[in-house]
Amino acid sequence: MAKRALITGITGQDGSYLAEHLLAEGYEVWGLNRGQANPRKSRVSRLVSELSFVDGDLMDQGSLVSAVDTVQPDEVYNLGAISFVPMSWQQAELVTEVNGMGVLRVLEAIRMVSGLNGSRTTSSGQIRFYQASSSEMFGKAAETPQRESTLFHPRSPYGAAKAYGHFITRNYRESFGMYAVSGMLFNHESPRRGSEFVTRKISLAVARIKLGFQEKLHLGNIDAVRDWGFAGDYVRAMHLMLQPDEPDDYVIGSGTMHSVRDAVRIAFDHVGLDWQDYVVIDPALVRPAEVEVLCADSGHARAQLGWKPTVDFPELMCMMVDSDLNQVSREHEYGDLLLASNW
């Protein structure tokens, strides 16, 4: 029989790529659905005929128990979260409720459905759980590059909530013998990234500027450095983490650093424009507490899982710009057709 996976956050960037990957691996894939219109469901629209959905909400314990009991999954991937870091200062309580307590509720649902009531050793037949941890947990990093043993120093409510989710996952592994792992994923992007994220904000602006629909790109701290990779590569790592006999936590990243300035230069160069003619530095866009340098040491994942990235950062930025050039062109062609039809 095919393995069965349940994905929370299936309509997000990572969820859509993971669903595609698991379907290609022969899985039966279920997505958690909050039972309301989701504007990002278009990300998985072409897969809908191959997917199944079950109602549930990360803020409602009972619905999660029902969802896990209904699906009876072999693997659960908890990707559901409020993922835009700057928002976590405006809605700190909500972000903590979803990104922190939501993890606990999924773990509790698995524990209850699996009948894990006390300390026990892991067994091959139990539900395996993946938690989407984040490089934002390292924050003001104690060392560079960051590895599994690096101390956490989150610099946002988002990072703090993710740190709770990480530790409670480890606690359930140690307390109940649950097969529960955390993937400490560094920044990963794609053409499916939301336009509020800086890489997609850049690629979309470059496309609009090139096509004459936008004049300037406003950015905050362009000297902030990140370890960026391709989301399609990183979901492969998620799946690989749930395959070994013993659960463990893993850092996933490219191991190379680039600044926002680099991202801007690569994107504008790709369309033959000088970024300095179009970029405006806006102090209002700088985070209250910036994370200056994040860089992954993914040696553990490479050695134990055989994982490695396939898309480098310049390729990624060019891929995103090309995708947005196509999208912006299509949107304006469609708009022109509508305008013409009204005449």
C-alpha atoms as a PDB file:
ATOM      1  CA  MET A   1       0.000   0.000   0.000  1.00  0.00           C
ATOM      2  CA  ALA A   2       1.106   3.565  -0.696  1.00  0.00           C
ATOM      3  CA  LYS A   3       2.329   5.612   2.240  1.00  0.00           C
ATOM      4  CA  ARG A   4      -0.045   8.330   3.386  1.00  0.00           C
ATOM      5  CA  ALA A   5       1.117  11.862   4.277  1.00  0.00           C
ATOM      6  CA  LEU A   6      -0.786  14.699   5.937  1.00  0.00           C
ATOM      7  CA  ILE A   7       0.514  18.226   5.265  1.00  0.00           C
ATOM      8  CA  THR A   8      -0.519  21.314   7.213  1.00  0.00           C
ATOM      9  CA  GLY A   9       0.065  24.490   5.204  1.00  0.00           C
ATOM     10  CA  ILE A  10      -0.266  22.594   1.926  1.00  0.00           C
ATOM     11  CA  THR A  11      -1.203  25.732  -0.024  1.00  0.00           C
ATOM     12  CA  GLY A  12       1.964  27.573   1.030  1.00  0.00           C
ATOM     13  CA  GLN A  13       5.171  27.666  -0.971  1.00  0.00           C
ATOM     14  CA  ASP A  14       6.712  24.664   0.807  1.00  0.00           C
ATOM     15  CA  GLY A  15       3.460  22.745   1.057  1.00  0.00           C
ATOM     16  CA  SER A  16       2.850  22.901  -2.688  1.00  0.00           C
ATOM     17  CA  TYR A  17       6.386  21.741  -3.536  1.00  0.00           C
ATOM     18  CA  LEU A  18       6.245  19.007  -0.893  1.00  0.00           C
ATOM     19  CA  ALA A  19       2.896  17.756  -2.189  1.00  0.00           C
ATOM     20  CA  GLU A  20       4.356  17.495  -5.690  1.00  0.00           C
ATOM     21  CA  HIS A  21       7.429  15.676  -4.412  1.00  0.00           C
ATOM     22  CA  LEU A  22       5.475  13.165  -2.320  1.00  0.00           C
ATOM     23  CA  LEU A  23       3.038  12.450  -5.149  1.00  0.00           C
ATOM     24  CA  ALA A  24       6.027  11.743  -7.392  1.00  0.00           C
ATOM     25  CA  GLU A  25       7.296   9.357  -4.698  1.00  0.00           C
ATOM     26  CA  GLY A  26       4.008   7.435  -4.836  1.00  0.00           C
ATOM     27  CA  TYR A  27       2.404   8.801  -1.669  1.00  0.00           C
ATOM     28  CA  GLU A  28      -1.267   9.376  -1.011  1.00  0.00           C
ATOM     29  CA  VAL A  29      -1.230  13.060  -0.002  1.00  0.00           C
ATOM     30  CA  TRP A  30      -3.732  14.810   2.262  1.00  0.00           C
ATOM     31  CA  GLY A  31      -3.850  18.505   3.024  1.00  0.00           C
ATOM     32  CA  LEU A  32      -5.264  20.129   6.155  1.00  0.00           C
ATOM     33  CA  ASN A  33      -8.003  22.548   5.119  1.00  0.00           C
ATOM     34  CA  ARG A  34      -9.438  25.200   7.451  1.00  0.00           C
ATOM     35  CA  GLY A  35     -12.778  24.911   5.686  1.00  0.00           C
ATOM     36  CA  GLN A  36     -12.776  28.404   4.225  1.00  0.00           C
ATOM     37  CA  ALA A  37     -11.750  30.108   1.004  1.00  0.00           C
ATOM     38  CA  ASN A  38      -7.963  30.141   0.739  1.00  0.00           C
ATOM     39  CA  PRO A  39      -6.606  32.697  -1.753  1.00  0.00           C
ATOM     40  CA  ARG A  40      -3.428  30.625  -2.159  1.00  0.00           C
ATOM     41  CA  LYS A  41      -5.205  27.400  -3.098  1.00  0.00           C
ATOM     42  CA  SER A  42      -4.207  28.192  -6.686  1.00  0.00           C
ATOM     43  CA  ARG A  43      -0.725  26.939  -5.785  1.00  0.00           C
ATOM     44  CA  VAL A  44      -2.047  23.369  -5.665  1.00  0.00           C
ATOM     45  CA  SER A  45      -4.968  23.752  -8.101  1.00  0.00           C
ATOM     46  CA  ARG A  46      -3.338  21.597 -10.771  1.00  0.00           C
ATOM     47  CA  LEU A  47      -2.778  18.862  -8.176  1.00  0.00           C
ATOM     48  CA  VAL A  48      -6.291  18.918  -6.710  1.00  0.00           C
ATOM     49  CA  SER A  49      -7.404  15.794  -8.573  1.00  0.00           C
ATOM     50  CA  GLU A  50      -4.514  13.894  -6.951  1.00  0.00           C
ATOM     51  CA  LEU A  51      -4.907  15.339  -3.438  1.00  0.00           C
ATOM     52  CA  SER A  52      -7.338  14.684  -0.609  1.00  0.00           C
ATOM     53  CA  PHE A  53      -8.329  17.254   2.009  1.00  0.00           C
ATOM     54  CA  VAL A  54      -9.462  17.044   5.613  1.00  0.00           C
ATOM     55  CA  ASP A  55     -10.839  19.858   7.763  1.00  0.00           C
ATOM     56  CA  GLY A  56      -8.718  21.093  10.661  1.00  0.00           C
ATOM     57  CA  ASP A  57      -7.214  24.190  12.228  1.00  0.00           C
ATOM     58  CA  LEU A  58      -3.917  24.638  14.088  1.00  0.00           C
ATOM     59  CA  MET A  59      -5.793  26.701  16.681  1.00  0.00           C
ATOM     60  CA  ASP A  60      -8.386  23.973  17.391  1.00  0.00           C
ATOM     61  CA  GLN A  61      -7.171  20.837  19.183  1.00  0.00           C
ATOM     62  CA  GLY A  62     -10.307  18.799  18.588  1.00  0.00           C
ATOM     63  CA  SER A  63     -10.238  19.344  14.834  1.00  0.00           C
ATOM     64  CA  LEU A  64      -6.614  18.168  14.662  1.00  0.00           C
ATOM     65  CA  VAL A  65      -7.373  14.975  16.572  1.00  0.00           C
ATOM     66  CA  SER A  66     -10.253  14.319  14.187  1.00  0.00           C
ATOM     67  CA  ALA A  67      -8.065  15.036  11.142  1.00  0.00           C
ATOM     68  CA  VAL A  68      -5.252  12.713  12.212  1.00  0.00           C
ATOM     69  CA  ASP A  69      -7.744  10.000  13.163  1.00  0.00           C
ATOM     70  CA  THR A  70      -9.520  10.308   9.805  1.00  0.00           C
ATOM     71  CA  VAL A  71      -6.384  10.272   7.645  1.00  0.00           C
ATOM     72  CA  GLN A  72      -4.376   7.720   9.683  1.00  0.00           C
ATOM     73  CA  PRO A  73      -1.163   9.059   8.119  1.00  0.00           C
ATOM     74  CA  ASP A  74       2.250   7.430   8.081  1.00  0.00           C
ATOM     75  CA  GLU A  75       3.856  10.889   8.060  1.00  0.00           C
ATOM     76  CA  VAL A  76       2.711  14.331   9.200  1.00  0.00           C
ATOM     77  CA  TYR A  77       4.468  17.459   7.939  1.00  0.00           C
ATOM     78  CA  ASN A  78       3.656  20.558   9.983  1.00  0.00           C
ATOM     79  CA  LEU A  79       4.319  23.424   7.571  1.00  0.00           C
ATOM     80  CA  GLY A  80       1.324  25.517   8.611  1.00  0.00           C
ATOM     81  CA  ALA A  81       2.463  28.831  10.108  1.00  0.00           C
ATOM     82  CA  ILE A  82       2.360  32.585   9.827  1.00  0.00           C
ATOM     83  CA  SER A  83       5.655  32.812   8.004  1.00  0.00           C
ATOM     84  CA  PHE A  84       6.224  36.538   7.401  1.00  0.00           C
ATOM     85  CA  VAL A  85       8.685  37.567  10.130  1.00  0.00           C
ATOM     86  CA  PRO A  86       7.943  41.351  10.195  1.00  0.00           C
ATOM     87  CA  MET A  87       4.272  40.601  10.878  1.00  0.00           C
ATOM     88  CA  SER A  88       5.255  38.947  14.144  1.00  0.00           C
ATOM     89  CA  TRP A  89       5.908  42.333  15.770  1.00  0.00           C
ATOM     90  CA  GLN A  90       2.436  43.573  14.821  1.00  0.00           C
ATOM     91  CA  GLN A  91       0.573  40.387  15.800  1.00  0.00           C
ATOM     92  CA  ALA A  92       2.899  38.706  18.272  1.00  0.00           C
ATOM     93  CA  GLU A  93       0.165  36.844  20.152  1.00  0.00           C
ATOM     94  CA  LEU A  94      -1.415  35.386  17.002  1.00  0.00           C
ATOM     95  CA  VAL A  95       1.963  34.332  15.577  1.00  0.00           C
ATOM     96  CA  THR A  96       2.865  32.660  18.885  1.00  0.00           C
ATOM     97  CA  GLU A  97      -0.511  30.895  19.024  1.00  0.00           C
ATOM     98  CA  VAL A  98      -0.181  29.457  15.515  1.00  0.00           C
ATOM     99  CA  ASN A  99       3.585  28.917  15.218  1.00  0.00           C
ATOM    100  CA  GLY A 100       4.173  27.775  18.796  1.00  0.00           C
ATOM    101  CA  MET A 101       1.012  26.312  20.304  1.00  0.00           C
ATOM    102  CA  GLY A 102      -0.040  24.976  16.899  1.00  0.00           C
ATOM    103  CA  VAL A 103       2.937  22.616  16.992  1.00  0.00           C
ATOM    104  CA  LEU A 104       1.935  21.358  20.429  1.00  0.00           C
ATOM    105  CA  ARG A 105      -1.620  20.709  19.237  1.00  0.00           C
ATOM    106  CA  VAL A 106      -0.447  18.638  16.257  1.00  0.00           C
ATOM    107  CA  LEU A 107       1.892  16.645  18.488  1.00  0.00           C
ATOM    108  CA  GLU A 108      -0.917  16.069  20.985  1.00  0.00           C
ATOM    109  CA  ALA A 109      -3.239  14.923  18.196  1.00  0.00           C
ATOM    110  CA  ILE A 110      -0.643  12.399  17.023  1.00  0.00           C
ATOM    111  CA  ARG A 111       0.000  11.251  20.597  1.00  0.00           C
ATOM    112  CA  MET A 112      -3.692  10.753  21.319  1.00  0.00           C
ATOM    113  CA  VAL A 113      -4.495   8.950  18.059  1.00  0.00           C
ATOM    114  CA  SER A 114      -1.373   6.780  18.445  1.00  0.00           C
ATOM    115  CA  GLY A 115      -2.181   5.945  22.064  1.00  0.00           C
ATOM    116  CA  LEU A 116       1.188   7.134  23.393  1.00  0.00           C
ATOM    117  CA  ASN A 117       0.606   7.592  27.118  1.00  0.00           C
ATOM    118  CA  GLY A 118       4.042   7.250  28.639  1.00  0.00           C
ATOM    119  CA  SER A 119       7.747   6.915  27.981  1.00  0.00           C
ATOM    120  CA  ARG A 120       8.449   4.250  25.369  1.00  0.00           C
ATOM    121  CA  THR A 121      10.859   3.487  22.566  1.00  0.00           C
ATOM    122  CA  THR A 122      10.088   4.430  18.980  1.00  0.00           C
ATOM    123  CA  SER A 123       8.568   1.820  16.741  1.00  0.00           C
ATOM    124  CA  SER A 124       8.614   1.568  12.984  1.00  0.00           C
ATOM    125  CA  GLY A 125       4.815   1.481  12.788  1.00  0.00           C
ATOM    126  CA  GLN A 126       4.026   4.806  14.432  1.00  0.00           C
ATOM    127  CA  ILE A 127       3.190   8.151  12.826  1.00  0.00           C
ATOM    128  CA  ARG A 128       6.315  10.118  11.941  1.00  0.00           C
ATOM    129  CA  PHE A 129       6.226  13.885  12.493  1.00  0.00           C
ATOM    130  CA  TYR A 130       8.172  16.674  10.793  1.00  0.00           C
ATOM    131  CA  GLN A 131       8.276  20.172  12.317  1.00  0.00           C
ATOM    132  CA  ALA A 132       9.282  23.123  10.156  1.00  0.00           C
ATOM    133  CA  SER A 133      11.778  24.875  12.396  1.00  0.00           C
ATOM    134  CA  SER A 134      13.612  27.983  11.203  1.00  0.00           C
ATOM    135  CA  SER A 135      17.019  29.622  10.989  1.00  0.00           C
ATOM    136  CA  GLU A 136      15.342  32.619  12.658  1.00  0.00           C
ATOM    137  CA  MET A 137      15.724  30.689  15.929  1.00  0.00           C
ATOM    138  CA  PHE A 138      19.470  31.367  15.771  1.00  0.00           C
ATOM    139  CA  GLY A 139      18.846  35.108  15.426  1.00  0.00           C
ATOM    140  CA  LYS A 140      21.835  36.892  16.916  1.00  0.00           C
ATOM    141  CA  ALA A 141      23.972  33.902  16.132  1.00  0.00           C
ATOM    142  CA  ALA A 142      26.525  32.675  18.671  1.00  0.00           C
ATOM    143  CA  GLU A 143      28.688  31.277  15.847  1.00  0.00           C
ATOM    144  CA  THR A 144      28.882  31.225  12.072  1.00  0.00           C
ATOM    145  CA  PRO A 145      28.030  28.990  10.327  1.00  0.00           C
ATOM    146  CA  GLN A 146      25.150  27.678  12.423  1.00  0.00           C
ATOM    147  CA  ARG A 147      24.752  23.960  13.051  1.00  0.00           C
ATOM    148  CA  GLU A 148      22.460  21.706  15.100  1.00  0.00           C
ATOM    149  CA  SER A 149      24.357  22.464  18.336  1.00  0.00           C
ATOM    150  CA  THR A 150      24.397  26.282  17.914  1.00  0.00           C
ATOM    151  CA  LEU A 151      22.601  28.124  20.726  1.00  0.00           C
ATOM    152  CA  PHE A 152      19.346  29.901  19.892  1.00  0.00           C
ATOM    153  CA  HIS A 153      18.992  33.669  20.279  1.00  0.00           C
ATOM    154  CA  PRO A 154      15.794  34.610  18.377  1.00  0.00           C
ATOM    155  CA  ARG A 155      15.367  38.266  17.475  1.00  0.00           C
ATOM    156  CA  SER A 156      11.640  38.323  16.701  1.00  0.00           C
ATOM    157  CA  PRO A 157       8.393  36.933  18.113  1.00  0.00           C
ATOM    158  CA  TYR A 158       8.398  34.658  15.059  1.00  0.00           C
ATOM    159  CA  GLY A 159      11.810  33.225  15.961  1.00  0.00           C
ATOM    160  CA  ALA A 160      10.826  32.806  19.613  1.00  0.00           C
ATOM    161  CA  ALA A 161       7.632  30.940  18.681  1.00  0.00           C
ATOM    162  CA  LYS A 162       9.562  28.693  16.307  1.00  0.00           C
ATOM    163  CA  ALA A 163      12.051  27.937  19.093  1.00  0.00           C
ATOM    164  CA  TYR A 164       9.170  26.767  21.302  1.00  0.00           C
ATOM    165  CA  GLY A 165       7.881  24.541  18.490  1.00  0.00           C
ATOM    166  CA  HIS A 166      11.369  23.109  18.057  1.00  0.00           C
ATOM    167  CA  PHE A 167      11.844  22.307  21.735  1.00  0.00           C
ATOM    168  CA  ILE A 168       8.351  20.872  22.255  1.00  0.00           C
ATOM    169  CA  THR A 169       8.963  18.565  19.277  1.00  0.00           C
ATOM    170  CA  ARG A 170      12.162  17.346  20.870  1.00  0.00           C
ATOM    171  CA  ASN A 171      10.341  16.979  24.196  1.00  0.00           C
ATOM    172  CA  TYR A 172       7.684  14.699  22.689  1.00  0.00           C
ATOM    173  CA  ARG A 173      10.419  12.620  21.080  1.00  0.00           C
ATOM    174  CA  GLU A 174      12.215  12.220  24.405  1.00  0.00           C
ATOM    175  CA  SER A 175       9.112  11.918  26.606  1.00  0.00           C
ATOM    176  CA  PHE A 176       6.904   9.630  24.527  1.00  0.00           C
ATOM    177  CA  GLY A 177       9.342   7.997  22.122  1.00  0.00           C
ATOM    178  CA  MET A 178       7.561   9.705  19.244  1.00  0.00           C
ATOM    179  CA  TYR A 179       9.304   9.738  15.874  1.00  0.00           C
ATOM    180  CA  ALA A 180       9.472  13.532  15.744  1.00  0.00           C
ATOM    181  CA  VAL A 181      12.100  15.598  13.944  1.00  0.00           C
ATOM    182  CA  SER A 182      12.748  19.277  13.279  1.00  0.00           C
ATOM    183  CA  GLY A 183      14.229  20.696  10.116  1.00  0.00           C
ATOM    184  CA  MET A 184      16.048  23.962  10.849  1.00  0.00           C
ATOM    185  CA  LEU A 185      15.613  25.333   7.360  1.00  0.00           C
ATOM    186  CA  PHE A 186      17.408  28.468   6.292  1.00  0.00           C
ATOM    187  CA  ASN A 187      15.757  30.928   3.910  1.00  0.00           C
ATOM    188  CA  HIS A 188      14.363  29.182   0.854  1.00  0.00           C
ATOM    189  CA  GLU A 189      12.625  30.914  -2.013  1.00  0.00           C
ATOM    190  CA  SER A 190      10.903  30.242  -5.337  1.00  0.00           C
ATOM    191  CA  PRO A 191       8.533  31.799  -7.855  1.00  0.00           C
ATOM    192  CA  ARG A 192       5.752  30.705  -5.465  1.00  0.00           C
ATOM    193  CA  ARG A 193       7.052  32.874  -2.613  1.00  0.00           C
ATOM    194  CA  GLY A 194       4.631  35.499  -1.329  1.00  0.00           C
ATOM    195  CA  SER A 195       5.287  39.003  -2.642  1.00  0.00           C
ATOM    196  CA  GLU A 196       5.799  40.307   0.920  1.00  0.00           C
ATOM    197  CA  PHE A 197       9.119  38.408   1.173  1.00  0.00           C
ATOM    198  CA  VAL A 198      12.183  40.373   0.114  1.00  0.00           C
ATOM    199  CA  THR A 199      13.426  38.071  -2.674  1.00  0.00           C
ATOM    200  CA  ARG A 200      10.005  37.924  -4.335  1.00  0.00           C
ATOM    201  CA  LYS A 201       9.460  41.633  -3.686  1.00  0.00           C
ATOM    202  CA  ILE A 202      12.675  42.221  -5.618  1.00  0.00           C
ATOM    203  CA  SER A 203      11.933  39.853  -8.509  1.00  0.00           C
ATOM    204  CA  LEU A 204       8.393  41.171  -8.933  1.00  0.00           C
ATOM    205  CA  ALA A 205       9.543  44.802  -8.837  1.00  0.00           C
ATOM    206  CA  VAL A 206      12.299  44.108 -11.368  1.00  0.00           C
ATOM    207  CA  ALA A 207       9.747  42.556 -13.729  1.00  0.00           C
ATOM    208  CA  ARG A 208       7.341  45.466 -13.320  1.00  0.00           C
ATOM    209  CA  ILE A 209      10.111  48.057 -13.756  1.00  0.00           C
ATOM    210  CA  LYS A 210      11.463  46.300 -16.858  1.00  0.00           C
ATOM    211  CA  LEU A 211       7.983  46.211 -18.399  1.00  0.00           C
ATOM    212  CA  GLY A 212       7.256  49.830 -17.506  1.00  0.00           C
ATOM    213  CA  PHE A 213       4.631  49.303 -14.794  1.00  0.00           C
ATOM    214  CA  GLN A 214       6.680  50.458 -11.764  1.00  0.00           C
ATOM    215  CA  GLU A 215       9.276  53.184 -11.214  1.00  0.00           C
ATOM    216  CA  LYS A 216      11.094  52.420  -7.938  1.00  0.00           C
ATOM    217  CA  LEU A 217      11.781  49.579  -5.498  1.00  0.00           C
ATOM    218  CA  HIS A 218      11.733  50.514  -1.792  1.00  0.00           C
ATOM    219  CA  LEU A 219      13.857  48.363   0.532  1.00  0.00           C
ATOM    220  CA  GLY A 220      15.145  48.492   4.125  1.00  0.00           C
ATOM    221  CA  ASN A 221      18.513  47.071   5.183  1.00  0.00           C
ATOM    222  CA  ILE A 222      20.138  45.877   1.955  1.00  0.00           C
ATOM    223  CA  ASP A 223      23.299  44.830   3.809  1.00  0.00           C
ATOM    224  CA  ALA A 224      21.495  42.069   5.772  1.00  0.00           C
ATOM    225  CA  VAL A 225      23.005  38.703   4.838  1.00  0.00           C
ATOM    226  CA  ARG A 226      21.168  35.417   4.418  1.00  0.00           C
ATOM    227  CA  ASP A 227      21.750  31.854   3.306  1.00  0.00           C
ATOM    228  CA  TRP A 228      19.179  31.501   0.512  1.00  0.00           C
ATOM    229  CA  GLY A 229      18.234  28.337  -1.359  1.00  0.00           C
ATOM    230  CA  PHE A 230      15.519  26.911  -3.609  1.00  0.00           C
ATOM    231  CA  ALA A 231      12.355  25.662  -1.867  1.00  0.00           C
ATOM    232  CA  GLY A 232      12.101  22.678  -4.223  1.00  0.00           C
ATOM    233  CA  ASP A 233      15.452  21.435  -2.930  1.00  0.00           C
ATOM    234  CA  TYR A 234      14.495  21.935   0.699  1.00  0.00           C
ATOM    235  CA  VAL A 235      11.267  19.914   0.632  1.00  0.00           C
ATOM    236  CA  ARG A 236      13.324  16.924  -0.502  1.00  0.00           C
ATOM    237  CA  ALA A 237      15.239  17.297   2.755  1.00  0.00           C
ATOM    238  CA  MET A 238      11.983  17.270   4.740  1.00  0.00           C
ATOM    239  CA  HIS A 239      11.020  13.925   3.246  1.00  0.00           C
ATOM    240  CA  LEU A 240      14.495  12.456   3.732  1.00  0.00           C
ATOM    241  CA  MET A 241      14.436  13.372   7.446  1.00  0.00           C
ATOM    242  CA  LEU A 242      11.518  10.997   8.081  1.00  0.00           C
ATOM    243  CA  GLN A 243      13.133   7.972   6.432  1.00  0.00           C
ATOM    244  CA  PRO A 244      15.995   6.914   8.814  1.00  0.00           C
ATOM    245  CA  ASP A 245      15.342   4.343  11.539  1.00  0.00           C
ATOM    246  CA  GLU A 246      16.102   6.879  14.273  1.00  0.00           C
ATOM    247  CA  PRO A 247      14.743  10.460  14.460  1.00  0.00           C
ATOM    248  CA  ASP A 248      17.102  13.431  14.590  1.00  0.00           C
ATOM    249  CA  ASP A 249      17.143  17.189  13.911  1.00  0.00           C
ATOM    250  CA  TYR A 250      18.882  18.708  10.911  1.00  0.00           C
ATOM    251  CA  VAL A 251      20.089  22.096   9.674  1.00  0.00           C
ATOM    252  CA  ILE A 252      19.305  22.638   5.983  1.00  0.00           C
ATOM    253  CA  GLY A 253      20.909  25.397   3.921  1.00  0.00           C
ATOM    254  CA  SER A 254      23.236  26.155   1.055  1.00  0.00           C
ATOM    255  CA  GLY A 255      26.236  27.143   3.203  1.00  0.00           C
ATOM    256  CA  THR A 256      26.768  30.318   1.164  1.00  0.00           C
ATOM    257  CA  MET A 257      25.824  33.861   2.156  1.00  0.00           C
ATOM    258  CA  HIS A 258      24.458  36.674   0.037  1.00  0.00           C
ATOM    259  CA  SER A 259      23.221  40.128   0.976  1.00  0.00           C
ATOM    260  CA  VAL A 260      19.966  41.721  -0.082  1.00  0.00           C
ATOM    261  CA  ARG A 261      22.198  43.987  -2.153  1.00  0.00           C
ATOM    262  CA  ASP A 262      23.470  40.901  -4.024  1.00  0.00           C
ATOM    263  CA  ALA A 263      19.902  39.773  -4.697  1.00  0.00           C
ATOM    264  CA  VAL A 264      19.028  43.218  -6.083  1.00  0.00           C
ATOM    265  CA  ARG A 265      22.128  43.364  -8.291  1.00  0.00           C
ATOM    266  CA  ILE A 266      21.603  39.866  -9.727  1.00  0.00           C
ATOM    267  CA  ALA A 267      17.940  40.516 -10.470  1.00  0.00           C
ATOM    268  CA  PHE A 268      18.449  43.883 -12.178  1.00  0.00           C
ATOM    269  CA  ASP A 269      21.507  42.635 -14.086  1.00  0.00           C
ATOM    270  CA  HIS A 270      19.375  39.771 -15.421  1.00  0.00           C
ATOM    271  CA  VAL A 271      17.132  42.255 -17.268  1.00  0.00           C
ATOM    272  CA  GLY A 272      19.943  44.621 -18.251  1.00  0.00           C
ATOM    273  CA  LEU A 273      19.239  47.418 -15.738  1.00  0.00           C
ATOM    274  CA  ASP A 274      21.442  49.192 -13.154  1.00  0.00           C
ATOM    275  CA  TRP A 275      19.874  48.633  -9.746  1.00  0.00           C
ATOM    276  CA  GLN A 276      21.215  51.911  -8.357  1.00  0.00           C
ATOM    277  CA  ASP A 277      18.886  53.810 -10.712  1.00  0.00           C
ATOM    278  CA  TYR A 278      15.775  52.212  -9.191  1.00  0.00           C
ATOM    279  CA  VAL A 279      16.307  51.234  -5.544  1.00  0.00           C
ATOM    280  CA  VAL A 280      15.257  53.568  -2.704  1.00  0.00           C
ATOM    281  CA  ILE A 281      16.414  52.838   0.859  1.00  0.00           C
ATOM    282  CA  ASP A 282      13.488  53.301   3.265  1.00  0.00           C
ATOM    283  CA  PRO A 283      14.370  53.302   7.012  1.00  0.00           C
ATOM    284  CA  ALA A 284      10.745  52.477   7.832  1.00  0.00           C
ATOM    285  CA  LEU A 285      11.282  49.016   6.346  1.00  0.00           C
ATOM    286  CA  VAL A 286      14.156  48.089   8.703  1.00  0.00           C
ATOM    287  CA  ARG A 287      13.252  45.455  11.330  1.00  0.00           C
ATOM    288  CA  PRO A 288      13.135  46.530  15.006  1.00  0.00           C
ATOM    289  CA  ALA A 289      15.814  43.895  15.759  1.00  0.00           C
ATOM    290  CA  GLU A 290      17.682  42.810  12.655  1.00  0.00           C
ATOM    291  CA  VAL A 291      19.217  39.392  12.119  1.00  0.00           C
ATOM    292  CA  GLU A 292      22.480  40.323  10.442  1.00  0.00           C
ATOM    293  CA  VAL A 293      24.203  37.068   9.434  1.00  0.00           C
ATOM    294  CA  LEU A 294      22.756  33.590   8.952  1.00  0.00           C
ATOM    295  CA  CYS A 295      24.695  30.786   7.269  1.00  0.00           C
ATOM    296  CA  ALA A 296      24.009  27.043   7.476  1.00  0.00           C
ATOM    297  CA  ASP A 297      26.377  24.204   8.190  1.00  0.00           C
ATOM    298  CA  SER A 298      24.310  21.345   6.740  1.00  0.00           C
ATOM    299  CA  GLY A 299      27.106  18.794   7.024  1.00  0.00           C
ATOM    300  CA  HIS A 300      24.988  16.521   9.234  1.00  0.00           C
ATOM    301  CA  ALA A 301      22.174  16.340   6.658  1.00  0.00           C
ATOM    302  CA  ARG A 302      24.602  15.838   3.805  1.00  0.00           C
ATOM    303  CA  ALA A 303      26.353  12.992   5.617  1.00  0.00           C
ATOM    304  CA  GLN A 304      23.332  11.240   7.139  1.00  0.00           C
ATOM    305  CA  LEU A 305      20.650  11.899   4.512  1.00  0.00           C
ATOM    306  CA  GLY A 306      22.700  12.318   1.341  1.00  0.00           C
ATOM    307  CA  TRP A 307      20.993  15.669   0.738  1.00  0.00           C
ATOM    308  CA  LYS A 308      22.504  18.543  -1.202  1.00  0.00           C
ATOM    309  CA  PRO A 309      21.029  21.572  -3.007  1.00  0.00           C
ATOM    310  CA  THR A 310      20.852  21.659  -6.805  1.00  0.00           C
ATOM    311  CA  VAL A 311      20.023  25.344  -7.486  1.00  0.00           C
ATOM    312  CA  ASP A 312      22.455  28.111  -6.514  1.00  0.00           C
ATOM    313  CA  PHE A 313      21.436  31.653  -5.546  1.00  0.00           C
ATOM    314  CA  PRO A 314      22.064  33.448  -8.864  1.00  0.00           C
ATOM    315  CA  GLU A 315      20.063  30.725 -10.666  1.00  0.00           C
ATOM    316  CA  LEU A 316      17.283  31.120  -8.117  1.00  0.00           C
ATOM    317  CA  MET A 317      16.989  34.898  -8.508  1.00  0.00           C
ATOM    318  CA  CYS A 318      17.011  34.639 -12.302  1.00  0.00           C
ATOM    319  CA  MET A 319      14.353  31.899 -12.148  1.00  0.00           C
ATOM    320  CA  MET A 320      12.147  34.158 -10.033  1.00  0.00           C
ATOM    321  CA  VAL A 321      12.625  37.191 -12.297  1.00  0.00           C
ATOM    322  CA  ASP A 322      11.776  35.149 -15.403  1.00  0.00           C
ATOM    323  CA  SER A 323       8.653  33.795 -13.727  1.00  0.00           C
ATOM    324  CA  ASP A 324       7.523  37.273 -12.691  1.00  0.00           C
ATOM    325  CA  LEU A 325       8.187  38.700 -16.155  1.00  0.00           C
ATOM    326  CA  ASN A 326       5.774  36.071 -17.510  1.00  0.00           C
ATOM    327  CA  GLN A 327       3.237  36.684 -14.755  1.00  0.00           C
ATOM    328  CA  VAL A 328       3.228  40.480 -15.071  1.00  0.00           C
ATOM    329  CA  SER A 329       2.951  40.226 -18.866  1.00  0.00           C
ATOM    330  CA  ARG A 330       0.008  37.835 -18.612  1.00  0.00           C
ATOM    331  CA  GLU A 331      -1.769  40.000 -16.033  1.00  0.00           C
ATOM    332  CA  HIS A 332      -1.552  43.106 -18.200  1.00  0.00           C
ATOM    333  CA  GLU A 333      -2.512  41.255 -21.372  1.00  0.00           C
ATOM    334  CA  TYR A 334      -5.579  39.942 -19.529  1.00  0.00           C
ATOM    335  CA  GLY A 335      -6.336  43.441 -18.239  1.00  0.00           C
ATOM    336  CA  ASP A 336      -6.116  44.849 -21.756  1.00  0.00           C
ATOM    337  CA  LEU A 337      -8.476  42.151 -23.033  1.00  0.00           C
ATOM    338  CA  LEU A 338     -11.010  42.967 -20.327  1.00  0.00           C
ATOM    339  CA  LEU A 339     -10.765  46.666 -21.119  1.00  0.00           C
ATOM    340  CA  ALA A 340     -11.233  45.978 -24.824  1.00  0.00           C
ATOM    341  CA  SER A 341     -14.248  43.729 -24.177  1.00  0.00           C
ATOM    342  CA  ASN A 342     -15.905  46.507 -22.171  1.00  0.00           C
ATOM    343  CA  TRP A 343     -15.753  48.723 -25.214  1.00  0.00           C
END
